[in-house]
Amino acid sequence: PPMIAWIIALSTSIFGDTELAVRLPAAVLGTLGL
């Protein structure tokens, strides 16, 4: 489904097309889920 693409698009639109921008949502979601 499309959620992964939507979230990465949101992050890269703010922080640019970088490795950090791609992976930043994982750090946020994986931690806030706790």
Full PDB file with SEQRES, HELIX, SHEET, SSBOND, CRYST1, ORIGX, SCALE, CONECT and MASTER records, all heavy atoms in Angstrom:
SEQRES   1 A   34  PRO PRO MET ILE ALA TRP ILE ILE ALA LEU SER THR SER          
SEQRES   2 A   34  ILE PHE GLY ASP THR GLU LEU ALA VAL ARG LEU PRO ALA          
SEQRES   3 A   34  ALA VAL LEU GLY THR LEU GLY LEU                              
HELIX    1 AA1 MET A    3  PHE A   15  1                                  13    
HELIX    2 AA2 GLU A   19  LEU A   32  1                                  14    
CRYST1    1.000    1.000    1.000  90.00  90.00  90.00 P 1           1          
ORIGX1      1.000000  0.000000  0.000000        0.00000                         
ORIGX2      0.000000  1.000000  0.000000        0.00000                         
ORIGX3      0.000000  0.000000  1.000000        0.00000                         
SCALE1      1.000000  0.000000  0.000000        0.00000                         
SCALE2      0.000000  1.000000  0.000000        0.00000                         
SCALE3      0.000000  0.000000  1.000000        0.00000                         
ATOM      1  N   PRO A   1       0.840  -1.205   0.000  1.00  0.00           N  
ATOM      2  CA  PRO A   1       0.000   0.000   0.000  1.00  0.00           C  
ATOM      3  C   PRO A   1       0.873   1.252   0.000  1.00  0.00           C  
ATOM      4  O   PRO A   1       2.098   1.184   0.143  1.00  0.00           O  
ATOM      5  CB  PRO A   1      -0.807  -0.144   1.294  1.00  0.00           C  
ATOM      6  CG  PRO A   1      -0.727  -1.588   1.658  1.00  0.00           C  
ATOM      7  CD  PRO A   1       0.623  -2.038   1.186  1.00  0.00           C  
ATOM      8  N   PRO A   2       0.275   2.432  -0.098  1.00  0.00           N  
ATOM      9  CA  PRO A   2       1.061   3.641  -0.397  1.00  0.00           C  
ATOM     10  C   PRO A   2       1.668   4.378   0.789  1.00  0.00           C  
ATOM     11  O   PRO A   2       2.419   5.336   0.585  1.00  0.00           O  
ATOM     12  CB  PRO A   2       0.033   4.533  -1.086  1.00  0.00           C  
ATOM     13  CG  PRO A   2      -1.270   4.170  -0.430  1.00  0.00           C  
ATOM     14  CD  PRO A   2      -1.172   2.687  -0.185  1.00  0.00           C  
ATOM     15  N   MET A   3       1.380   3.995   2.039  1.00  0.00           N  
ATOM     16  CA  MET A   3       1.783   4.805   3.187  1.00  0.00           C  
ATOM     17  C   MET A   3       3.280   5.074   3.225  1.00  0.00           C  
ATOM     18  O   MET A   3       3.724   6.188   3.518  1.00  0.00           O  
ATOM     19  CB  MET A   3       1.332   4.145   4.478  1.00  0.00           C  
ATOM     20  CG  MET A   3       1.671   4.943   5.744  1.00  0.00           C  
ATOM     21  SD  MET A   3       0.853   6.569   5.815  1.00  0.00           S  
ATOM     22  CE  MET A   3      -0.842   6.046   6.122  1.00  0.00           C  
ATOM     23  N   ILE A   4       4.106   4.066   2.950  1.00  0.00           N  
ATOM     24  CA  ILE A   4       5.554   4.225   3.031  1.00  0.00           C  
ATOM     25  C   ILE A   4       6.020   5.324   2.089  1.00  0.00           C  
ATOM     26  O   ILE A   4       6.877   6.150   2.439  1.00  0.00           O  
ATOM     27  CB  ILE A   4       6.272   2.882   2.730  1.00  0.00           C  
ATOM     28  CG1 ILE A   4       7.775   3.014   2.880  1.00  0.00           C  
ATOM     29  CG2 ILE A   4       5.940   2.377   1.343  1.00  0.00           C  
ATOM     30  CD1 ILE A   4       8.258   2.997   4.279  1.00  0.00           C  
ATOM     31  N   ALA A   5       5.461   5.372   0.885  1.00  0.00           N  
ATOM     32  CA  ALA A   5       5.850   6.401  -0.082  1.00  0.00           C  
ATOM     33  C   ALA A   5       5.391   7.775   0.386  1.00  0.00           C  
ATOM     34  O   ALA A   5       6.131   8.770   0.246  1.00  0.00           O  
ATOM     35  CB  ALA A   5       5.275   6.087  -1.456  1.00  0.00           C  
ATOM     36  N   TRP A   6       4.200   7.864   0.939  1.00  0.00           N  
ATOM     37  CA  TRP A   6       3.690   9.151   1.412  1.00  0.00           C  
ATOM     38  C   TRP A   6       4.564   9.722   2.525  1.00  0.00           C  
ATOM     39  O   TRP A   6       4.870  10.917   2.547  1.00  0.00           O  
ATOM     40  CB  TRP A   6       2.259   8.988   1.916  1.00  0.00           C  
ATOM     41  CG  TRP A   6       1.265   8.577   0.878  1.00  0.00           C  
ATOM     42  CD1 TRP A   6       1.467   8.477  -0.471  1.00  0.00           C  
ATOM     43  CD2 TRP A   6      -0.096   8.207   1.106  1.00  0.00           C  
ATOM     44  NE1 TRP A   6       0.320   8.053  -1.091  1.00  0.00           N  
ATOM     45  CE2 TRP A   6      -0.659   7.880  -0.157  1.00  0.00           C  
ATOM     46  CE3 TRP A   6      -0.885   8.100   2.235  1.00  0.00           C  
ATOM     47  CZ2 TRP A   6      -1.983   7.474  -0.302  1.00  0.00           C  
ATOM     48  CZ3 TRP A   6      -2.207   7.685   2.100  1.00  0.00           C  
ATOM     49  CH2 TRP A   6      -2.742   7.384   0.848  1.00  0.00           C  
ATOM     50  N   ILE A   7       4.946   8.860   3.466  1.00  0.00           N  
ATOM     51  CA  ILE A   7       5.740   9.331   4.599  1.00  0.00           C  
ATOM     52  C   ILE A   7       7.123   9.774   4.146  1.00  0.00           C  
ATOM     53  O   ILE A   7       7.624  10.829   4.572  1.00  0.00           O  
ATOM     54  CB  ILE A   7       5.838   8.238   5.676  1.00  0.00           C  
ATOM     55  CG1 ILE A   7       4.466   7.980   6.300  1.00  0.00           C  
ATOM     56  CG2 ILE A   7       6.846   8.623   6.752  1.00  0.00           C  
ATOM     57  CD1 ILE A   7       4.441   6.834   7.290  1.00  0.00           C  
ATOM     58  N   ILE A   8       7.765   8.989   3.281  1.00  0.00           N  
ATOM     59  CA  ILE A   8       9.088   9.387   2.783  1.00  0.00           C  
ATOM     60  C   ILE A   8       8.989  10.684   1.994  1.00  0.00           C  
ATOM     61  O   ILE A   8       9.853  11.567   2.112  1.00  0.00           O  
ATOM     62  CB  ILE A   8       9.696   8.264   1.924  1.00  0.00           C  
ATOM     63  CG1 ILE A   8      10.016   7.049   2.797  1.00  0.00           C  
ATOM     64  CG2 ILE A   8      10.962   8.745   1.219  1.00  0.00           C  
ATOM     65  CD1 ILE A   8      10.537   5.853   2.025  1.00  0.00           C  
ATOM     66  N   ALA A   9       7.937  10.823   1.195  1.00  0.00           N  
ATOM     67  CA  ALA A   9       7.752  12.059   0.424  1.00  0.00           C  
ATOM     68  C   ALA A   9       7.626  13.263   1.351  1.00  0.00           C  
ATOM     69  O   ALA A   9       8.175  14.340   1.073  1.00  0.00           O  
ATOM     70  CB  ALA A   9       6.527  11.940  -0.470  1.00  0.00           C  
ATOM     71  N   LEU A  10       6.895  13.109   2.448  1.00  0.00           N  
ATOM     72  CA  LEU A  10       6.748  14.210   3.405  1.00  0.00           C  
ATOM     73  C   LEU A  10       8.091  14.575   4.005  1.00  0.00           C  
ATOM     74  O   LEU A  10       8.454  15.759   4.089  1.00  0.00           O  
ATOM     75  CB  LEU A  10       5.765  13.808   4.509  1.00  0.00           C  
ATOM     76  CG  LEU A  10       5.582  14.812   5.651  1.00  0.00           C  
ATOM     77  CD1 LEU A  10       5.041  16.129   5.130  1.00  0.00           C  
ATOM     78  CD2 LEU A  10       4.675  14.235   6.738  1.00  0.00           C  
ATOM     79  N   SER A  11       8.858  13.574   4.420  1.00  0.00           N  
ATOM     80  CA  SER A  11      10.152  13.839   5.046  1.00  0.00           C  
ATOM     81  C   SER A  11      11.138  14.469   4.073  1.00  0.00           C  
ATOM     82  O   SER A  11      11.811  15.455   4.394  1.00  0.00           O  
ATOM     83  CB  SER A  11      10.728  12.538   5.609  1.00  0.00           C  
ATOM     84  OG  SER A  11      11.970  12.766   6.242  1.00  0.00           O  
ATOM     85  N   THR A  12      11.222  13.933   2.853  1.00  0.00           N  
ATOM     86  CA  THR A  12      12.193  14.466   1.894  1.00  0.00           C  
ATOM     87  C   THR A  12      11.781  15.834   1.370  1.00  0.00           C  
ATOM     88  O   THR A  12      12.645  16.626   0.968  1.00  0.00           O  
ATOM     89  CB  THR A  12      12.378  13.495   0.718  1.00  0.00           C  
ATOM     90  OG1 THR A  12      11.097  13.199   0.131  1.00  0.00           O  
ATOM     91  CG2 THR A  12      13.023  12.201   1.184  1.00  0.00           C  
ATOM     92  N   SER A  13      10.484  16.128   1.375  1.00  0.00           N  
ATOM     93  CA  SER A  13      10.050  17.462   0.948  1.00  0.00           C  
ATOM     94  C   SER A  13      10.495  18.529   1.940  1.00  0.00           C  
ATOM     95  O   SER A  13      10.664  19.697   1.574  1.00  0.00           O  
ATOM     96  CB  SER A  13       8.528  17.494   0.788  1.00  0.00           C  
ATOM     97  OG  SER A  13       7.873  17.365   2.055  1.00  0.00           O  
ATOM     98  N   ILE A  14      10.708  18.121   3.183  1.00  0.00           N  
ATOM     99  CA  ILE A  14      11.143  19.063   4.226  1.00  0.00           C  
ATOM    100  C   ILE A  14      12.662  19.090   4.340  1.00  0.00           C  
ATOM    101  O   ILE A  14      13.277  20.153   4.413  1.00  0.00           O  
ATOM    102  CB  ILE A  14      10.512  18.679   5.583  1.00  0.00           C  
ATOM    103  CG1 ILE A  14       8.992  18.756   5.515  1.00  0.00           C  
ATOM    104  CG2 ILE A  14      11.046  19.587   6.697  1.00  0.00           C  
ATOM    105  CD1 ILE A  14       8.291  18.212   6.753  1.00  0.00           C  
ATOM    106  N   PHE A  15      13.284  17.911   4.334  1.00  0.00           N  
ATOM    107  CA  PHE A  15      14.714  17.810   4.633  1.00  0.00           C  
ATOM    108  C   PHE A  15      15.587  17.484   3.423  1.00  0.00           C  
ATOM    109  O   PHE A  15      16.803  17.375   3.553  1.00  0.00           O  
ATOM    110  CB  PHE A  15      14.942  16.743   5.717  1.00  0.00           C  
ATOM    111  CG  PHE A  15      14.191  17.019   6.994  1.00  0.00           C  
ATOM    112  CD1 PHE A  15      13.073  16.269   7.328  1.00  0.00           C  
ATOM    113  CD2 PHE A  15      14.602  18.036   7.850  1.00  0.00           C  
ATOM    114  CE1 PHE A  15      12.378  16.519   8.508  1.00  0.00           C  
ATOM    115  CE2 PHE A  15      13.899  18.290   9.028  1.00  0.00           C  
ATOM    116  CZ  PHE A  15      12.791  17.533   9.349  1.00  0.00           C  
ATOM    117  N   GLY A  16      14.975  17.303   2.249  1.00  0.00           N  
ATOM    118  CA  GLY A  16      15.749  17.013   1.057  1.00  0.00           C  
ATOM    119  C   GLY A  16      15.899  15.521   0.823  1.00  0.00           C  
ATOM    120  O   GLY A  16      15.635  14.697   1.700  1.00  0.00           O  
ATOM    121  N   ASP A  17      16.342  15.165  -0.378  1.00  0.00           N  
ATOM    122  CA  ASP A  17      16.489  13.756  -0.750  1.00  0.00           C  
ATOM    123  C   ASP A  17      17.828  13.218  -0.272  1.00  0.00           C  
ATOM    124  O   ASP A  17      18.763  13.020  -1.056  1.00  0.00           O  
ATOM    125  CB  ASP A  17      16.350  13.603  -2.268  1.00  0.00           C  
ATOM    126  CG  ASP A  17      14.932  13.869  -2.743  1.00  0.00           C  
ATOM    127  OD1 ASP A  17      14.030  13.112  -2.340  1.00  0.00           O  
ATOM    128  OD2 ASP A  17      14.732  14.839  -3.493  1.00  0.00           O  
ATOM    129  N   THR A  18      17.923  12.981   1.035  1.00  0.00           N  
ATOM    130  CA  THR A  18      19.145  12.495   1.659  1.00  0.00           C  
ATOM    131  C   THR A  18      18.846  11.206   2.415  1.00  0.00           C  
ATOM    132  O   THR A  18      17.686  10.877   2.682  1.00  0.00           O  
ATOM    133  CB  THR A  18      19.709  13.529   2.636  1.00  0.00           C  
ATOM    134  OG1 THR A  18      18.769  13.714   3.722  1.00  0.00           O  
ATOM    135  CG2 THR A  18      19.946  14.880   1.951  1.00  0.00           C  
ATOM    136  N   GLU A  19      19.909  10.490   2.778  1.00  0.00           N  
ATOM    137  CA  GLU A  19      19.730   9.276   3.569  1.00  0.00           C  
ATOM    138  C   GLU A  19      19.048   9.589   4.893  1.00  0.00           C  
ATOM    139  O   GLU A  19      18.166   8.847   5.343  1.00  0.00           O  
ATOM    140  CB  GLU A  19      21.087   8.615   3.807  1.00  0.00           C  
ATOM    141  CG  GLU A  19      21.717   8.040   2.553  1.00  0.00           C  
ATOM    142  CD  GLU A  19      23.165   7.659   2.765  1.00  0.00           C  
ATOM    143  OE1 GLU A  19      23.765   8.159   3.746  1.00  0.00           O  
ATOM    144  OE2 GLU A  19      23.698   6.876   1.956  1.00  0.00           O  
ATOM    145  N   LEU A  20      19.446  10.680   5.542  1.00  0.00           N  
ATOM    146  CA  LEU A  20      18.841  11.044   6.820  1.00  0.00           C  
ATOM    147  C   LEU A  20      17.351  11.302   6.659  1.00  0.00           C  
ATOM    148  O   LEU A  20      16.541  10.854   7.483  1.00  0.00           O  
ATOM    149  CB  LEU A  20      19.533  12.276   7.408  1.00  0.00           C  
ATOM    150  CG  LEU A  20      18.917  12.830   8.697  1.00  0.00           C  
ATOM    151  CD1 LEU A  20      18.951  11.778   9.798  1.00  0.00           C  
ATOM    152  CD2 LEU A  20      19.648  14.097   9.146  1.00  0.00           C  
ATOM    153  N   ALA A  21      16.960  12.022   5.608  1.00  0.00           N  
ATOM    154  CA  ALA A  21      15.547  12.329   5.411  1.00  0.00           C  
ATOM    155  C   ALA A  21      14.733  11.072   5.146  1.00  0.00           C  
ATOM    156  O   ALA A  21      13.587  10.959   5.594  1.00  0.00           O  
ATOM    157  CB  ALA A  21      15.395  13.311   4.251  1.00  0.00           C  
ATOM    158  N   VAL A  22      15.305  10.114   4.424  1.00  0.00           N  
ATOM    159  CA  VAL A  22      14.600   8.860   4.157  1.00  0.00           C  
ATOM    160  C   VAL A  22      14.405   8.075   5.441  1.00  0.00           C  
ATOM    161  O   VAL A  22      13.334   7.510   5.698  1.00  0.00           O  
ATOM    162  CB  VAL A  22      15.370   8.020   3.116  1.00  0.00           C  
ATOM    163  CG1 VAL A  22      14.746   6.630   2.986  1.00  0.00           C  
ATOM    164  CG2 VAL A  22      15.376   8.718   1.760  1.00  0.00           C  
ATOM    165  N   ARG A  23      15.430   8.046   6.290  1.00  0.00           N  
ATOM    166  CA  ARG A  23      15.387   7.200   7.488  1.00  0.00           C  
ATOM    167  C   ARG A  23      14.808   7.894   8.718  1.00  0.00           C  
ATOM    168  O   ARG A  23      14.469   7.214   9.695  1.00  0.00           O  
ATOM    169  CB  ARG A  23      16.802   6.714   7.802  1.00  0.00           C  
ATOM    170  CG  ARG A  23      17.294   5.663   6.836  1.00  0.00           C  
ATOM    171  CD  ARG A  23      18.713   5.269   7.088  1.00  0.00           C  
ATOM    172  NE  ARG A  23      19.064   4.067   6.321  1.00  0.00           N  
ATOM    173  CZ  ARG A  23      20.293   3.715   6.009  1.00  0.00           C  
ATOM    174  NH1 ARG A  23      21.324   4.443   6.408  1.00  0.00           N  
ATOM    175  NH2 ARG A  23      20.514   2.612   5.313  1.00  0.00           N  
ATOM    176  N   LEU A  24      14.695   9.196   8.697  1.00  0.00           N  
ATOM    177  CA  LEU A  24      14.207   9.919   9.873  1.00  0.00           C  
ATOM    178  C   LEU A  24      12.831   9.437  10.338  1.00  0.00           C  
ATOM    179  O   LEU A  24      12.611   9.258  11.542  1.00  0.00           O  
ATOM    180  CB  LEU A  24      14.182  11.424   9.584  1.00  0.00           C  
ATOM    181  CG  LEU A  24      13.821  12.333  10.758  1.00  0.00           C  
ATOM    182  CD1 LEU A  24      14.837  12.190  11.890  1.00  0.00           C  
ATOM    183  CD2 LEU A  24      13.740  13.792  10.294  1.00  0.00           C  
ATOM    184  N   PRO A  25      11.864   9.193   9.436  1.00  0.00           N  
ATOM    185  CA  PRO A  25      10.565   8.704   9.912  1.00  0.00           C  
ATOM    186  C   PRO A  25      10.655   7.378  10.656  1.00  0.00           C  
ATOM    187  O   PRO A  25       9.848   7.125  11.556  1.00  0.00           O  
ATOM    188  CB  PRO A  25       9.754   8.559   8.615  1.00  0.00           C  
ATOM    189  CG  PRO A  25      10.399   9.493   7.652  1.00  0.00           C  
ATOM    190  CD  PRO A  25      11.859   9.449   7.976  1.00  0.00           C  
ATOM    191  N   ALA A  26      11.624   6.522  10.287  1.00  0.00           N  
ATOM    192  CA  ALA A  26      11.771   5.251  10.997  1.00  0.00           C  
ATOM    193  C   ALA A  26      12.164   5.492  12.444  1.00  0.00           C  
ATOM    194  O   ALA A  26      11.637   4.848  13.360  1.00  0.00           O  
ATOM    195  CB  ALA A  26      12.823   4.376  10.296  1.00  0.00           C  
ATOM    196  N   ALA A  27      13.103   6.409  12.664  1.00  0.00           N  
ATOM    197  CA  ALA A  27      13.522   6.728  14.029  1.00  0.00           C  
ATOM    198  C   ALA A  27      12.358   7.296  14.834  1.00  0.00           C  
ATOM    199  O   ALA A  27      12.162   6.945  16.012  1.00  0.00           O  
ATOM    200  CB  ALA A  27      14.691   7.711  13.999  1.00  0.00           C  
ATOM    201  N   VAL A  28      11.574   8.166  14.211  1.00  0.00           N  
ATOM    202  CA  VAL A  28      10.466   8.819  14.919  1.00  0.00           C  
ATOM    203  C   VAL A  28       9.343   7.818  15.204  1.00  0.00           C  
ATOM    204  O   VAL A  28       8.887   7.680  16.347  1.00  0.00           O  
ATOM    205  CB  VAL A  28       9.942  10.006  14.098  1.00  0.00           C  
ATOM    206  CG1 VAL A  28       8.689  10.594  14.745  1.00  0.00           C  
ATOM    207  CG2 VAL A  28      11.027  11.086  13.972  1.00  0.00           C  
ATOM    208  N   LEU A  29       8.890   7.113  14.188  1.00  0.00           N  
ATOM    209  CA  LEU A  29       7.767   6.183  14.363  1.00  0.00           C  
ATOM    210  C   LEU A  29       8.149   5.000  15.247  1.00  0.00           C  
ATOM    211  O   LEU A  29       7.372   4.567  16.108  1.00  0.00           O  
ATOM    212  CB  LEU A  29       7.290   5.689  13.006  1.00  0.00           C  
ATOM    213  CG  LEU A  29       6.660   6.734  12.087  1.00  0.00           C  
ATOM    214  CD1 LEU A  29       6.393   6.145  10.707  1.00  0.00           C  
ATOM    215  CD2 LEU A  29       5.374   7.286  12.679  1.00  0.00           C  
ATOM    216  N   GLY A  30       9.365   4.460  15.030  1.00  0.00           N  
ATOM    217  CA  GLY A  30       9.794   3.314  15.820  1.00  0.00           C  
ATOM    218  C   GLY A  30       9.938   3.623  17.291  1.00  0.00           C  
ATOM    219  O   GLY A  30       9.764   2.742  18.149  1.00  0.00           O  
ATOM    220  N   THR A  31      10.240   4.887  17.607  1.00  0.00           N  
ATOM    221  CA  THR A  31      10.407   5.280  19.010  1.00  0.00           C  
ATOM    222  C   THR A  31       9.084   5.735  19.630  1.00  0.00           C  
ATOM    223  O   THR A  31       8.743   5.336  20.746  1.00  0.00           O  
ATOM    224  CB  THR A  31      11.445   6.403  19.134  1.00  0.00           C  
ATOM    225  OG1 THR A  31      12.649   5.997  18.476  1.00  0.00           O  
ATOM    226  CG2 THR A  31      11.746   6.699  20.591  1.00  0.00           C  
ATOM    227  N   LEU A  32       8.332   6.552  18.907  1.00  0.00           N  
ATOM    228  CA  LEU A  32       7.068   7.039  19.463  1.00  0.00           C  
ATOM    229  C   LEU A  32       6.060   5.903  19.645  1.00  0.00           C  
ATOM    230  O   LEU A  32       5.175   5.992  20.499  1.00  0.00           O  
ATOM    231  CB  LEU A  32       6.484   8.124  18.560  1.00  0.00           C  
ATOM    232  CG  LEU A  32       7.298   9.424  18.468  1.00  0.00           C  
ATOM    233  CD1 LEU A  32       6.542  10.466  17.643  1.00  0.00           C  
ATOM    234  CD2 LEU A  32       7.625   9.979  19.854  1.00  0.00           C  
ATOM    235  N   GLY A  33       6.185   4.847  18.861  1.00  0.00           N  
ATOM    236  CA  GLY A  33       5.306   3.701  19.059  1.00  0.00           C  
ATOM    237  C   GLY A  33       5.452   3.101  20.447  1.00  0.00           C  
ATOM    238  O   GLY A  33       4.511   2.494  20.979  1.00  0.00           O  
ATOM    239  N   LEU A  34       6.643   3.264  21.049  1.00  0.00           N  
ATOM    240  CA  LEU A  34       6.841   2.768  22.414  1.00  0.00           C  
ATOM    241  C   LEU A  34       5.943   3.494  23.411  1.00  0.00           C  
ATOM    242  O   LEU A  34       5.646   2.971  24.484  1.00  0.00           O  
ATOM    243  CB  LEU A  34       8.307   2.932  22.813  1.00  0.00           C  
ATOM    244  CG  LEU A  34       9.325   2.130  21.988  1.00  0.00           C  
ATOM    245  CD1 LEU A  34      10.744   2.471  22.420  1.00  0.00           C  
ATOM    246  CD2 LEU A  34       9.069   0.641  22.146  1.00  0.00           C  
TER     247      LEU A  34                                                      
MASTER        0    0    0    2    0    0    0    6  246    1    0    3          
END                                                                             
